[in-house]
Amino acid sequence: MTRLIWAEVSRLLSRRLTGIAIFVMLLGLGGYQLVINDALSPPSGEQLAAAERAYQQVHEDWVANHEQYEQECRDTGAPPDECVIPEPTLAEFTGDSAPFKETASTSLKLSTLLVALVTFTIAASFIGAEYSSGSIINWLTFIPRRGRVFWSKLLTVAGFAALLGSFATTLVLGATLLLAHLHGSHVESLPELTGIAGRCVLPVVVLAVLGFCIGLLTRHTAGAIGILLAAVVVCFVRIAPLGSQTWAQRITPWTPEGNLAAIVDRGYTYAVPVEKVTPDGVTVELLERAVSFTHGLVYWSILLTLVVVGSLLIFRRRDVT
């Protein structure tokens, strides 16, 4: 079994698509660090000067007219406390650099999405190309035990995804720490961010395993990518166009993306819109619900088990010609 795994590792690393995908991934991660650099950079002298000019204009208008505006508001029957217009402050216009914790967390999650898509493509192509080229027939002739062949390929893909995910999260978190140090940003919640970085590896492995199994079932890389795109479209439709539909949000605990978010964030909170009839008419109230970290782990453990076992049974019995 060990020799089989090493043979699969050599084949995976020697593939042209693997190198191209990793190169594209590194370009994407590097390009996003430019965004992180801008977010952590303090305002420049020109920006501060422009903000101060805007503040002076708004403050002069407040001094000259705020009493009139407040009186007009009270004349409409609004409560006096709601008509108070606070004096503008310079800090509201100058702003500040983005908090390190928020910036690093967003960077880790976006990089995880990119790496997961890359590993899905690599894993799907790894098995899909063998079916397309017919090399899987020669491989099974050399090693007739299909179960060993299946597990050697799956373990190779999962291990590769875990290493690539760990490398990417370490690289991103390290680059964000370096940029924060260069710009003098306050570094906080580092243990929490390290935990997020560790949990971000799990979605990368999950997508790699799914990519391999779907590529095996469809026998083609394009088929696996098409299924992934269809799943992304369904997810987008549920979250955006159907975001106001109660039923579409109530199924969040049973959606793949909701449970992946629960794993990464160690719990995922979502809102369910509920219509209520009041004397003033129909109002929509947002009720907060949560998907726990344990729920996410159990959900994906069961789903991956079913997908892997199903793929193995099909691979053992289906004709590969």
C-alpha atoms as a PDB file:
ATOM      1  CA  MET A   1       0.000   0.000   0.000  1.00  0.00           C
ATOM      2  CA  THR A   2       2.868   2.354   0.818  1.00  0.00           C
ATOM      3  CA  ARG A   3       4.407   1.821  -2.606  1.00  0.00           C
ATOM      4  CA  LEU A   4       1.074   2.523  -4.242  1.00  0.00           C
ATOM      5  CA  ILE A   5       0.713   5.793  -2.350  1.00  0.00           C
ATOM      6  CA  TRP A   6       4.226   6.903  -3.277  1.00  0.00           C
ATOM      7  CA  ALA A   7       3.522   6.064  -6.906  1.00  0.00           C
ATOM      8  CA  GLU A   8       0.330   8.142  -6.792  1.00  0.00           C
ATOM      9  CA  VAL A   9       2.178  11.018  -5.119  1.00  0.00           C
ATOM     10  CA  SER A  10       4.777  11.006  -7.892  1.00  0.00           C
ATOM     11  CA  ARG A  11       2.062  10.999 -10.550  1.00  0.00           C
ATOM     12  CA  LEU A  12       0.128  13.808  -8.860  1.00  0.00           C
ATOM     13  CA  LEU A  13       3.145  16.075  -8.473  1.00  0.00           C
ATOM     14  CA  SER A  14       4.393  15.406 -12.012  1.00  0.00           C
ATOM     15  CA  ARG A  15       1.118  16.469 -13.638  1.00  0.00           C
ATOM     16  CA  ARG A  16       1.197  19.778 -15.495  1.00  0.00           C
ATOM     17  CA  LEU A  17      -2.201  20.861 -14.153  1.00  0.00           C
ATOM     18  CA  THR A  18      -0.978  20.489 -10.581  1.00  0.00           C
ATOM     19  CA  GLY A  19       1.883  22.903 -11.155  1.00  0.00           C
ATOM     20  CA  ILE A  20      -0.280  25.394 -13.044  1.00  0.00           C
ATOM     21  CA  ALA A  21      -3.006  25.315 -10.372  1.00  0.00           C
ATOM     22  CA  ILE A  22      -0.511  25.880  -7.560  1.00  0.00           C
ATOM     23  CA  PHE A  23       1.082  28.753  -9.483  1.00  0.00           C
ATOM     24  CA  VAL A  24      -2.329  30.387 -10.013  1.00  0.00           C
ATOM     25  CA  MET A  25      -3.122  29.883  -6.332  1.00  0.00           C
ATOM     26  CA  LEU A  26       0.107  31.596  -5.262  1.00  0.00           C
ATOM     27  CA  LEU A  27      -0.608  34.497  -7.628  1.00  0.00           C
ATOM     28  CA  GLY A  28      -4.076  34.892  -6.126  1.00  0.00           C
ATOM     29  CA  LEU A  29      -2.803  34.768  -2.551  1.00  0.00           C
ATOM     30  CA  GLY A  30      -0.021  37.219  -3.364  1.00  0.00           C
ATOM     31  CA  GLY A  31      -2.371  39.607  -5.152  1.00  0.00           C
ATOM     32  CA  TYR A  32      -4.770  39.683  -2.218  1.00  0.00           C
ATOM     33  CA  GLN A  33      -1.933  40.730   0.081  1.00  0.00           C
ATOM     34  CA  LEU A  34      -1.964  44.040  -1.787  1.00  0.00           C
ATOM     35  CA  VAL A  35      -5.536  44.503  -0.571  1.00  0.00           C
ATOM     36  CA  ILE A  36      -4.453  43.603   2.964  1.00  0.00           C
ATOM     37  CA  ASN A  37      -1.610  46.110   2.712  1.00  0.00           C
ATOM     38  CA  ASP A  38      -4.056  48.887   1.769  1.00  0.00           C
ATOM     39  CA  ALA A  39      -6.445  47.900   4.582  1.00  0.00           C
ATOM     40  CA  LEU A  40      -3.728  47.984   7.253  1.00  0.00           C
ATOM     41  CA  SER A  41      -2.062  51.174   5.959  1.00  0.00           C
ATOM     42  CA  PRO A  42      -2.815  54.339   7.980  1.00  0.00           C
ATOM     43  CA  PRO A  43      -4.312  57.306   6.090  1.00  0.00           C
ATOM     44  CA  SER A  44      -1.797  59.321   4.061  1.00  0.00           C
ATOM     45  CA  GLY A  45      -1.169  63.021   4.480  1.00  0.00           C
ATOM     46  CA  GLU A  46      -3.325  63.887   1.474  1.00  0.00           C
ATOM     47  CA  GLN A  47      -6.179  61.747   2.743  1.00  0.00           C
ATOM     48  CA  LEU A  48      -5.992  63.388   6.178  1.00  0.00           C
ATOM     49  CA  ALA A  49      -6.007  66.857   4.612  1.00  0.00           C
ATOM     50  CA  ALA A  50      -9.035  66.020   2.443  1.00  0.00           C
ATOM     51  CA  ALA A  51     -10.849  64.549   5.434  1.00  0.00           C
ATOM     52  CA  GLU A  52     -10.147  67.655   7.508  1.00  0.00           C
ATOM     53  CA  ARG A  53     -11.534  69.919   4.773  1.00  0.00           C
ATOM     54  CA  ALA A  54     -14.694  67.827   4.572  1.00  0.00           C
ATOM     55  CA  TYR A  55     -15.010  67.950   8.361  1.00  0.00           C
ATOM     56  CA  GLN A  56     -14.703  71.741   8.411  1.00  0.00           C
ATOM     57  CA  GLN A  57     -17.490  72.104   5.833  1.00  0.00           C
ATOM     58  CA  VAL A  58     -19.835  69.755   7.651  1.00  0.00           C
ATOM     59  CA  HIS A  59     -19.069  71.313  11.031  1.00  0.00           C
ATOM     60  CA  GLU A  60     -19.749  74.822   9.738  1.00  0.00           C
ATOM     61  CA  ASP A  61     -23.082  73.652   8.358  1.00  0.00           C
ATOM     62  CA  TRP A  62     -23.908  72.021  11.704  1.00  0.00           C
ATOM     63  CA  VAL A  63     -23.109  75.196  13.661  1.00  0.00           C
ATOM     64  CA  ALA A  64     -25.212  77.332  11.356  1.00  0.00           C
ATOM     65  CA  ASN A  65     -28.225  75.096  10.824  1.00  0.00           C
ATOM     66  CA  HIS A  66     -28.475  72.246  13.343  1.00  0.00           C
ATOM     67  CA  GLU A  67     -31.000  74.080  15.535  1.00  0.00           C
ATOM     68  CA  GLN A  68     -33.235  74.709  12.550  1.00  0.00           C
ATOM     69  CA  TYR A  69     -32.987  71.080  11.415  1.00  0.00           C
ATOM     70  CA  GLU A  70     -33.857  69.845  14.899  1.00  0.00           C
ATOM     71  CA  GLN A  71     -36.860  72.166  15.136  1.00  0.00           C
ATOM     72  CA  GLU A  72     -38.148  71.011  11.736  1.00  0.00           C
ATOM     73  CA  CYS A  73     -37.824  67.433  12.928  1.00  0.00           C
ATOM     74  CA  ARG A  74     -39.789  68.120  16.116  1.00  0.00           C
ATOM     75  CA  ASP A  75     -42.482  69.902  14.101  1.00  0.00           C
ATOM     76  CA  THR A  76     -43.183  66.645  12.275  1.00  0.00           C
ATOM     77  CA  GLY A  77     -44.159  65.055  15.603  1.00  0.00           C
ATOM     78  CA  ALA A  78     -41.015  62.979  16.071  1.00  0.00           C
ATOM     79  CA  PRO A  79     -39.725  62.446  19.648  1.00  0.00           C
ATOM     80  CA  PRO A  80     -37.238  65.153  20.709  1.00  0.00           C
ATOM     81  CA  ASP A  81     -34.466  62.652  21.458  1.00  0.00           C
ATOM     82  CA  GLU A  82     -34.648  61.335  17.894  1.00  0.00           C
ATOM     83  CA  CYS A  83     -34.288  64.841  16.464  1.00  0.00           C
ATOM     84  CA  VAL A  84     -30.981  65.625  18.163  1.00  0.00           C
ATOM     85  CA  ILE A  85     -28.200  66.056  15.597  1.00  0.00           C
ATOM     86  CA  PRO A  86     -24.847  65.333  17.282  1.00  0.00           C
ATOM     87  CA  GLU A  87     -21.877  67.539  16.588  1.00  0.00           C
ATOM     88  CA  PRO A  88     -19.590  65.957  13.962  1.00  0.00           C
ATOM     89  CA  THR A  89     -16.070  65.033  15.053  1.00  0.00           C
ATOM     90  CA  LEU A  90     -12.856  64.896  13.073  1.00  0.00           C
ATOM     91  CA  ALA A  91     -12.412  61.176  13.863  1.00  0.00           C
ATOM     92  CA  GLU A  92     -15.563  60.391  11.886  1.00  0.00           C
ATOM     93  CA  PHE A  93     -13.895  61.710   8.725  1.00  0.00           C
ATOM     94  CA  THR A  94     -10.276  60.656   9.127  1.00  0.00           C
ATOM     95  CA  GLY A  95     -11.097  57.077  10.019  1.00  0.00           C
ATOM     96  CA  ASP A  96      -8.380  54.560  10.817  1.00  0.00           C
ATOM     97  CA  SER A  97      -6.756  51.471   9.384  1.00  0.00           C
ATOM     98  CA  ALA A  98      -8.765  48.245   9.490  1.00  0.00           C
ATOM     99  CA  PRO A  99      -8.470  46.168  12.705  1.00  0.00           C
ATOM    100  CA  PHE A 100      -5.893  43.412  12.461  1.00  0.00           C
ATOM    101  CA  LYS A 101      -8.231  40.676  13.710  1.00  0.00           C
ATOM    102  CA  GLU A 102     -10.951  41.452  11.171  1.00  0.00           C
ATOM    103  CA  THR A 103      -8.467  41.794   8.315  1.00  0.00           C
ATOM    104  CA  ALA A 104      -6.609  38.574   9.111  1.00  0.00           C
ATOM    105  CA  SER A 105      -9.834  36.604   9.579  1.00  0.00           C
ATOM    106  CA  THR A 106     -11.227  37.758   6.240  1.00  0.00           C
ATOM    107  CA  SER A 107      -7.921  37.030   4.518  1.00  0.00           C
ATOM    108  CA  LEU A 108      -7.826  33.483   5.893  1.00  0.00           C
ATOM    109  CA  LYS A 109     -11.398  32.710   4.821  1.00  0.00           C
ATOM    110  CA  LEU A 110     -11.014  34.106   1.308  1.00  0.00           C
ATOM    111  CA  SER A 111      -7.709  32.292   0.820  1.00  0.00           C
ATOM    112  CA  THR A 112      -9.377  29.071   2.018  1.00  0.00           C
ATOM    113  CA  LEU A 113     -12.043  29.474  -0.656  1.00  0.00           C
ATOM    114  CA  LEU A 114      -9.386  29.872  -3.349  1.00  0.00           C
ATOM    115  CA  VAL A 115      -7.277  26.938  -2.142  1.00  0.00           C
ATOM    116  CA  ALA A 116     -10.357  24.699  -1.795  1.00  0.00           C
ATOM    117  CA  LEU A 117     -11.367  25.408  -5.400  1.00  0.00           C
ATOM    118  CA  VAL A 118      -7.818  24.673  -6.555  1.00  0.00           C
ATOM    119  CA  THR A 119      -7.643  21.348  -4.690  1.00  0.00           C
ATOM    120  CA  PHE A 120     -11.103  20.377  -5.977  1.00  0.00           C
ATOM    121  CA  THR A 121      -9.917  20.936  -9.561  1.00  0.00           C
ATOM    122  CA  ILE A 122      -6.645  19.065  -9.007  1.00  0.00           C
ATOM    123  CA  ALA A 123      -8.394  16.111  -7.365  1.00  0.00           C
ATOM    124  CA  ALA A 124     -11.119  15.895 -10.015  1.00  0.00           C
ATOM    125  CA  SER A 125      -8.558  16.102 -12.810  1.00  0.00           C
ATOM    126  CA  PHE A 126      -6.327  13.529 -11.116  1.00  0.00           C
ATOM    127  CA  ILE A 127      -8.885  10.757 -11.581  1.00  0.00           C
ATOM    128  CA  GLY A 128     -10.865  12.285 -14.461  1.00  0.00           C
ATOM    129  CA  ALA A 129      -7.819  12.425 -16.720  1.00  0.00           C
ATOM    130  CA  GLU A 130      -7.163   8.718 -16.125  1.00  0.00           C
ATOM    131  CA  TYR A 131     -10.631   7.861 -17.402  1.00  0.00           C
ATOM    132  CA  SER A 132     -10.346  10.253 -20.355  1.00  0.00           C
ATOM    133  CA  SER A 133      -6.943   8.931 -21.432  1.00  0.00           C
ATOM    134  CA  GLY A 134      -7.695   5.285 -20.623  1.00  0.00           C
ATOM    135  CA  SER A 135      -4.659   4.947 -18.321  1.00  0.00           C
ATOM    136  CA  ILE A 136      -6.893   3.686 -15.517  1.00  0.00           C
ATOM    137  CA  ILE A 137      -7.307   0.433 -17.503  1.00  0.00           C
ATOM    138  CA  ASN A 138      -3.548  -0.136 -17.576  1.00  0.00           C
ATOM    139  CA  TRP A 139      -3.259   0.740 -13.907  1.00  0.00           C
ATOM    140  CA  LEU A 140      -5.943  -1.766 -12.910  1.00  0.00           C
ATOM    141  CA  THR A 141      -4.308  -4.412 -15.101  1.00  0.00           C
ATOM    142  CA  PHE A 142      -1.069  -3.884 -13.198  1.00  0.00           C
ATOM    143  CA  ILE A 143      -2.810  -3.698  -9.791  1.00  0.00           C
ATOM    144  CA  PRO A 144      -6.037  -5.730 -10.062  1.00  0.00           C
ATOM    145  CA  ARG A 145      -7.162  -4.981  -6.494  1.00  0.00           C
ATOM    146  CA  ARG A 146      -9.447  -2.022  -7.036  1.00  0.00           C
ATOM    147  CA  GLY A 147      -9.950  -1.299  -3.360  1.00  0.00           C
ATOM    148  CA  ARG A 148      -6.218  -0.683  -2.817  1.00  0.00           C
ATOM    149  CA  VAL A 149      -6.041   1.480  -5.930  1.00  0.00           C
ATOM    150  CA  PHE A 150      -9.021   3.562  -4.771  1.00  0.00           C
ATOM    151  CA  TRP A 151      -7.683   4.154  -1.261  1.00  0.00           C
ATOM    152  CA  SER A 152      -4.167   4.944  -2.457  1.00  0.00           C
ATOM    153  CA  LYS A 153      -5.529   7.624  -4.783  1.00  0.00           C
ATOM    154  CA  LEU A 154      -7.938   9.053  -2.210  1.00  0.00           C
ATOM    155  CA  LEU A 155      -5.329   9.187   0.566  1.00  0.00           C
ATOM    156  CA  THR A 156      -2.874  10.858  -1.808  1.00  0.00           C
ATOM    157  CA  VAL A 157      -5.393  13.537  -2.730  1.00  0.00           C
ATOM    158  CA  ALA A 158      -6.477  14.133   0.886  1.00  0.00           C
ATOM    159  CA  GLY A 159      -2.884  14.346   2.150  1.00  0.00           C
ATOM    160  CA  PHE A 160      -1.903  16.703  -0.647  1.00  0.00           C
ATOM    161  CA  ALA A 161      -4.895  18.942   0.131  1.00  0.00           C
ATOM    162  CA  ALA A 162      -4.061  18.996   3.851  1.00  0.00           C
ATOM    163  CA  LEU A 163      -0.455  20.001   3.176  1.00  0.00           C
ATOM    164  CA  LEU A 164      -1.431  22.620   0.607  1.00  0.00           C
ATOM    165  CA  GLY A 165      -4.113  24.052   2.897  1.00  0.00           C
ATOM    166  CA  SER A 166      -1.718  24.219   5.849  1.00  0.00           C
ATOM    167  CA  PHE A 167       0.926  25.903   3.720  1.00  0.00           C
ATOM    168  CA  ALA A 168      -1.547  28.477   2.363  1.00  0.00           C
ATOM    169  CA  THR A 169      -3.053  29.425   5.740  1.00  0.00           C
ATOM    170  CA  THR A 170       0.402  29.689   7.320  1.00  0.00           C
ATOM    171  CA  LEU A 171       1.597  31.842   4.428  1.00  0.00           C
ATOM    172  CA  VAL A 172      -1.438  34.142   4.575  1.00  0.00           C
ATOM    173  CA  LEU A 173      -1.392  34.562   8.351  1.00  0.00           C
ATOM    174  CA  GLY A 174       2.362  35.151   8.331  1.00  0.00           C
ATOM    175  CA  ALA A 175       2.095  37.748   5.547  1.00  0.00           C
ATOM    176  CA  THR A 176      -0.694  39.559   7.409  1.00  0.00           C
ATOM    177  CA  LEU A 177       1.388  39.604  10.591  1.00  0.00           C
ATOM    178  CA  LEU A 178       4.342  41.018   8.660  1.00  0.00           C
ATOM    179  CA  LEU A 179       2.223  43.766   7.086  1.00  0.00           C
ATOM    180  CA  ALA A 180       0.683  44.608  10.454  1.00  0.00           C
ATOM    181  CA  HIS A 181       4.176  44.945  11.941  1.00  0.00           C
ATOM    182  CA  LEU A 182       5.351  47.174   9.084  1.00  0.00           C
ATOM    183  CA  HIS A 183       2.359  49.508   9.452  1.00  0.00           C
ATOM    184  CA  GLY A 184       2.374  49.503  13.250  1.00  0.00           C
ATOM    185  CA  SER A 185      -1.060  47.906  13.579  1.00  0.00           C
ATOM    186  CA  HIS A 186      -2.089  46.462  16.924  1.00  0.00           C
ATOM    187  CA  VAL A 187      -1.883  42.657  16.743  1.00  0.00           C
ATOM    188  CA  GLU A 188      -4.629  40.974  18.753  1.00  0.00           C
ATOM    189  CA  SER A 189      -6.418  37.630  19.118  1.00  0.00           C
ATOM    190  CA  LEU A 190      -3.510  35.710  17.610  1.00  0.00           C
ATOM    191  CA  PRO A 191      -4.459  32.369  19.289  1.00  0.00           C
ATOM    192  CA  GLU A 192      -8.011  32.721  17.937  1.00  0.00           C
ATOM    193  CA  LEU A 193      -6.712  33.446  14.442  1.00  0.00           C
ATOM    194  CA  THR A 194      -4.382  30.455  14.669  1.00  0.00           C
ATOM    195  CA  GLY A 195      -7.409  28.309  15.482  1.00  0.00           C
ATOM    196  CA  ILE A 196      -9.250  29.693  12.455  1.00  0.00           C
ATOM    197  CA  ALA A 197      -6.221  28.947  10.282  1.00  0.00           C
ATOM    198  CA  GLY A 198      -6.179  25.356  11.523  1.00  0.00           C
ATOM    199  CA  ARG A 199      -9.899  24.865  10.918  1.00  0.00           C
ATOM    200  CA  CYS A 200      -9.590  26.378   7.442  1.00  0.00           C
ATOM    201  CA  VAL A 201      -7.630  23.308   6.388  1.00  0.00           C
ATOM    202  CA  LEU A 202     -10.713  21.100   6.840  1.00  0.00           C
ATOM    203  CA  PRO A 203     -12.770  22.660   3.988  1.00  0.00           C
ATOM    204  CA  VAL A 204      -9.763  22.295   1.693  1.00  0.00           C
ATOM    205  CA  VAL A 205      -9.567  18.560   2.439  1.00  0.00           C
ATOM    206  CA  VAL A 206     -13.352  18.207   2.145  1.00  0.00           C
ATOM    207  CA  LEU A 207     -13.440  19.826  -1.308  1.00  0.00           C
ATOM    208  CA  ALA A 208     -10.506  17.710  -2.473  1.00  0.00           C
ATOM    209  CA  VAL A 209     -12.231  14.483  -1.427  1.00  0.00           C
ATOM    210  CA  LEU A 210     -15.475  15.609  -3.064  1.00  0.00           C
ATOM    211  CA  GLY A 211     -13.615  16.567  -6.233  1.00  0.00           C
ATOM    212  CA  PHE A 212     -11.973  13.152  -6.429  1.00  0.00           C
ATOM    213  CA  CYS A 213     -15.214  11.250  -5.825  1.00  0.00           C
ATOM    214  CA  ILE A 214     -17.269  13.344  -8.248  1.00  0.00           C
ATOM    215  CA  GLY A 215     -14.535  13.093 -10.878  1.00  0.00           C
ATOM    216  CA  LEU A 216     -14.555   9.316 -10.416  1.00  0.00           C
ATOM    217  CA  LEU A 217     -18.342   9.121 -10.745  1.00  0.00           C
ATOM    218  CA  THR A 218     -18.574  11.415 -13.788  1.00  0.00           C
ATOM    219  CA  ARG A 219     -15.354  10.036 -15.358  1.00  0.00           C
ATOM    220  CA  HIS A 220     -14.426  13.526 -16.513  1.00  0.00           C
ATOM    221  CA  THR A 221     -12.886  16.655 -14.996  1.00  0.00           C
ATOM    222  CA  ALA A 222     -15.377  18.937 -16.736  1.00  0.00           C
ATOM    223  CA  GLY A 223     -18.279  16.964 -15.264  1.00  0.00           C
ATOM    224  CA  ALA A 224     -16.974  17.474 -11.722  1.00  0.00           C
ATOM    225  CA  ILE A 225     -16.391  21.186 -12.270  1.00  0.00           C
ATOM    226  CA  GLY A 226     -19.873  21.526 -13.775  1.00  0.00           C
ATOM    227  CA  ILE A 227     -21.441  19.967 -10.677  1.00  0.00           C
ATOM    228  CA  LEU A 228     -19.422  22.319  -8.463  1.00  0.00           C
ATOM    229  CA  LEU A 229     -20.569  25.361 -10.453  1.00  0.00           C
ATOM    230  CA  ALA A 230     -24.181  24.188 -10.220  1.00  0.00           C
ATOM    231  CA  ALA A 231     -23.839  23.865  -6.441  1.00  0.00           C
ATOM    232  CA  VAL A 232     -22.361  27.384  -6.219  1.00  0.00           C
ATOM    233  CA  VAL A 233     -25.272  28.787  -8.251  1.00  0.00           C
ATOM    234  CA  VAL A 234     -27.820  27.058  -6.009  1.00  0.00           C
ATOM    235  CA  CYS A 235     -26.048  28.436  -2.936  1.00  0.00           C
ATOM    236  CA  PHE A 236     -26.050  31.965  -4.390  1.00  0.00           C
ATOM    237  CA  VAL A 237     -29.728  31.789  -5.287  1.00  0.00           C
ATOM    238  CA  ARG A 238     -30.668  30.630  -1.796  1.00  0.00           C
ATOM    239  CA  ILE A 239     -28.658  33.349  -0.066  1.00  0.00           C
ATOM    240  CA  ALA A 240     -29.341  36.301  -2.407  1.00  0.00           C
ATOM    241  CA  PRO A 241     -32.575  36.160  -4.478  1.00  0.00           C
ATOM    242  CA  LEU A 242     -34.303  33.914  -1.929  1.00  0.00           C
ATOM    243  CA  GLY A 243     -32.789  35.656   1.075  1.00  0.00           C
ATOM    244  CA  SER A 244     -36.195  37.008   2.138  1.00  0.00           C
ATOM    245  CA  GLN A 245     -37.901  33.607   1.933  1.00  0.00           C
ATOM    246  CA  THR A 246     -38.345  31.960   5.310  1.00  0.00           C
ATOM    247  CA  TRP A 247     -38.150  28.391   4.024  1.00  0.00           C
ATOM    248  CA  ALA A 248     -34.907  29.104   2.137  1.00  0.00           C
ATOM    249  CA  GLN A 249     -33.190  30.255   5.312  1.00  0.00           C
ATOM    250  CA  ARG A 250     -34.632  27.589   7.580  1.00  0.00           C
ATOM    251  CA  ILE A 251     -32.797  24.888   5.626  1.00  0.00           C
ATOM    252  CA  THR A 252     -29.392  26.477   6.392  1.00  0.00           C
ATOM    253  CA  PRO A 253     -28.477  23.795   9.002  1.00  0.00           C
ATOM    254  CA  TRP A 254     -28.797  21.161   6.239  1.00  0.00           C
ATOM    255  CA  THR A 255     -26.816  22.972   3.548  1.00  0.00           C
ATOM    256  CA  PRO A 256     -23.164  22.137   2.779  1.00  0.00           C
ATOM    257  CA  GLU A 257     -21.985  25.760   2.857  1.00  0.00           C
ATOM    258  CA  GLY A 258     -23.707  26.504   6.183  1.00  0.00           C
ATOM    259  CA  ASN A 259     -21.983  23.587   7.881  1.00  0.00           C
ATOM    260  CA  LEU A 260     -18.609  24.447   6.353  1.00  0.00           C
ATOM    261  CA  ALA A 261     -18.987  27.974   7.745  1.00  0.00           C
ATOM    262  CA  ALA A 262     -19.836  26.463  11.150  1.00  0.00           C
ATOM    263  CA  ILE A 263     -16.594  24.481  11.060  1.00  0.00           C
ATOM    264  CA  VAL A 264     -14.409  27.436  10.060  1.00  0.00           C
ATOM    265  CA  ASP A 265     -16.003  29.970  12.454  1.00  0.00           C
ATOM    266  CA  ARG A 266     -16.611  27.407  15.208  1.00  0.00           C
ATOM    267  CA  GLY A 267     -20.339  28.140  14.945  1.00  0.00           C
ATOM    268  CA  TYR A 268     -22.340  29.948  12.277  1.00  0.00           C
ATOM    269  CA  THR A 269     -25.153  32.445  12.911  1.00  0.00           C
ATOM    270  CA  TYR A 270     -27.835  33.159  10.328  1.00  0.00           C
ATOM    271  CA  ALA A 271     -31.132  35.082  10.241  1.00  0.00           C
ATOM    272  CA  VAL A 272     -34.584  33.750   9.415  1.00  0.00           C
ATOM    273  CA  PRO A 273     -37.127  36.381   8.239  1.00  0.00           C
ATOM    274  CA  VAL A 274     -40.524  35.887   9.893  1.00  0.00           C
ATOM    275  CA  GLU A 275     -43.614  37.934   9.014  1.00  0.00           C
ATOM    276  CA  LYS A 276     -45.742  39.162  11.906  1.00  0.00           C
ATOM    277  CA  VAL A 277     -49.112  40.888  11.780  1.00  0.00           C
ATOM    278  CA  THR A 278     -49.307  43.953  14.036  1.00  0.00           C
ATOM    279  CA  PRO A 279     -51.871  46.744  14.423  1.00  0.00           C
ATOM    280  CA  ASP A 280     -49.650  48.858  12.152  1.00  0.00           C
ATOM    281  CA  GLY A 281     -49.559  46.193   9.429  1.00  0.00           C
ATOM    282  CA  VAL A 282     -47.287  43.327   8.444  1.00  0.00           C
ATOM    283  CA  THR A 283     -43.698  43.548   9.700  1.00  0.00           C
ATOM    284  CA  VAL A 284     -40.721  41.299   9.050  1.00  0.00           C
ATOM    285  CA  GLU A 285     -38.675  40.254  12.053  1.00  0.00           C
ATOM    286  CA  LEU A 286     -35.263  38.601  11.725  1.00  0.00           C
ATOM    287  CA  LEU A 287     -34.786  35.711  14.124  1.00  0.00           C
ATOM    288  CA  GLU A 288     -31.203  34.643  14.758  1.00  0.00           C
ATOM    289  CA  ARG A 289     -30.414  30.959  14.558  1.00  0.00           C
ATOM    290  CA  ALA A 290     -27.095  29.138  14.840  1.00  0.00           C
ATOM    291  CA  VAL A 291     -25.379  26.074  13.434  1.00  0.00           C
ATOM    292  CA  SER A 292     -22.943  24.655  15.996  1.00  0.00           C
ATOM    293  CA  PHE A 293     -19.391  23.505  15.359  1.00  0.00           C
ATOM    294  CA  THR A 294     -20.333  19.959  16.384  1.00  0.00           C
ATOM    295  CA  HIS A 295     -23.282  19.975  13.984  1.00  0.00           C
ATOM    296  CA  GLY A 296     -20.961  20.966  11.135  1.00  0.00           C
ATOM    297  CA  LEU A 297     -18.468  18.210  11.945  1.00  0.00           C
ATOM    298  CA  VAL A 298     -21.152  15.517  12.227  1.00  0.00           C
ATOM    299  CA  TYR A 299     -22.878  16.707   9.042  1.00  0.00           C
ATOM    300  CA  TRP A 300     -19.733  16.564   6.935  1.00  0.00           C
ATOM    301  CA  SER A 301     -18.503  13.324   8.528  1.00  0.00           C
ATOM    302  CA  ILE A 302     -21.725  11.586   7.517  1.00  0.00           C
ATOM    303  CA  LEU A 303     -21.826  13.192   4.066  1.00  0.00           C
ATOM    304  CA  LEU A 304     -18.204  12.349   3.244  1.00  0.00           C
ATOM    305  CA  THR A 305     -18.649   8.791   4.511  1.00  0.00           C
ATOM    306  CA  LEU A 306     -21.634   8.270   2.226  1.00  0.00           C
ATOM    307  CA  VAL A 307     -19.875   9.823  -0.778  1.00  0.00           C
ATOM    308  CA  VAL A 308     -16.629   7.889  -0.278  1.00  0.00           C
ATOM    309  CA  VAL A 309     -18.327   4.532   0.377  1.00  0.00           C
ATOM    310  CA  GLY A 310     -20.644   5.048  -2.590  1.00  0.00           C
ATOM    311  CA  SER A 311     -17.724   5.943  -4.849  1.00  0.00           C
ATOM    312  CA  LEU A 312     -15.765   2.903  -3.683  1.00  0.00           C
ATOM    313  CA  LEU A 313     -18.655   0.518  -4.347  1.00  0.00           C
ATOM    314  CA  ILE A 314     -19.185   1.949  -7.835  1.00  0.00           C
ATOM    315  CA  PHE A 315     -15.458   1.860  -8.600  1.00  0.00           C
ATOM    316  CA  ARG A 316     -15.205  -1.779  -7.538  1.00  0.00           C
ATOM    317  CA  ARG A 317     -18.121  -2.927  -9.676  1.00  0.00           C
ATOM    318  CA  ARG A 318     -18.270  -0.597 -12.683  1.00  0.00           C
ATOM    319  CA  ASP A 319     -16.595  -1.365 -15.975  1.00  0.00           C
ATOM    320  CA  VAL A 320     -13.831   1.184 -16.622  1.00  0.00           C
ATOM    321  CA  THR A 321     -13.633   0.663 -20.371  1.00  0.00           C
END
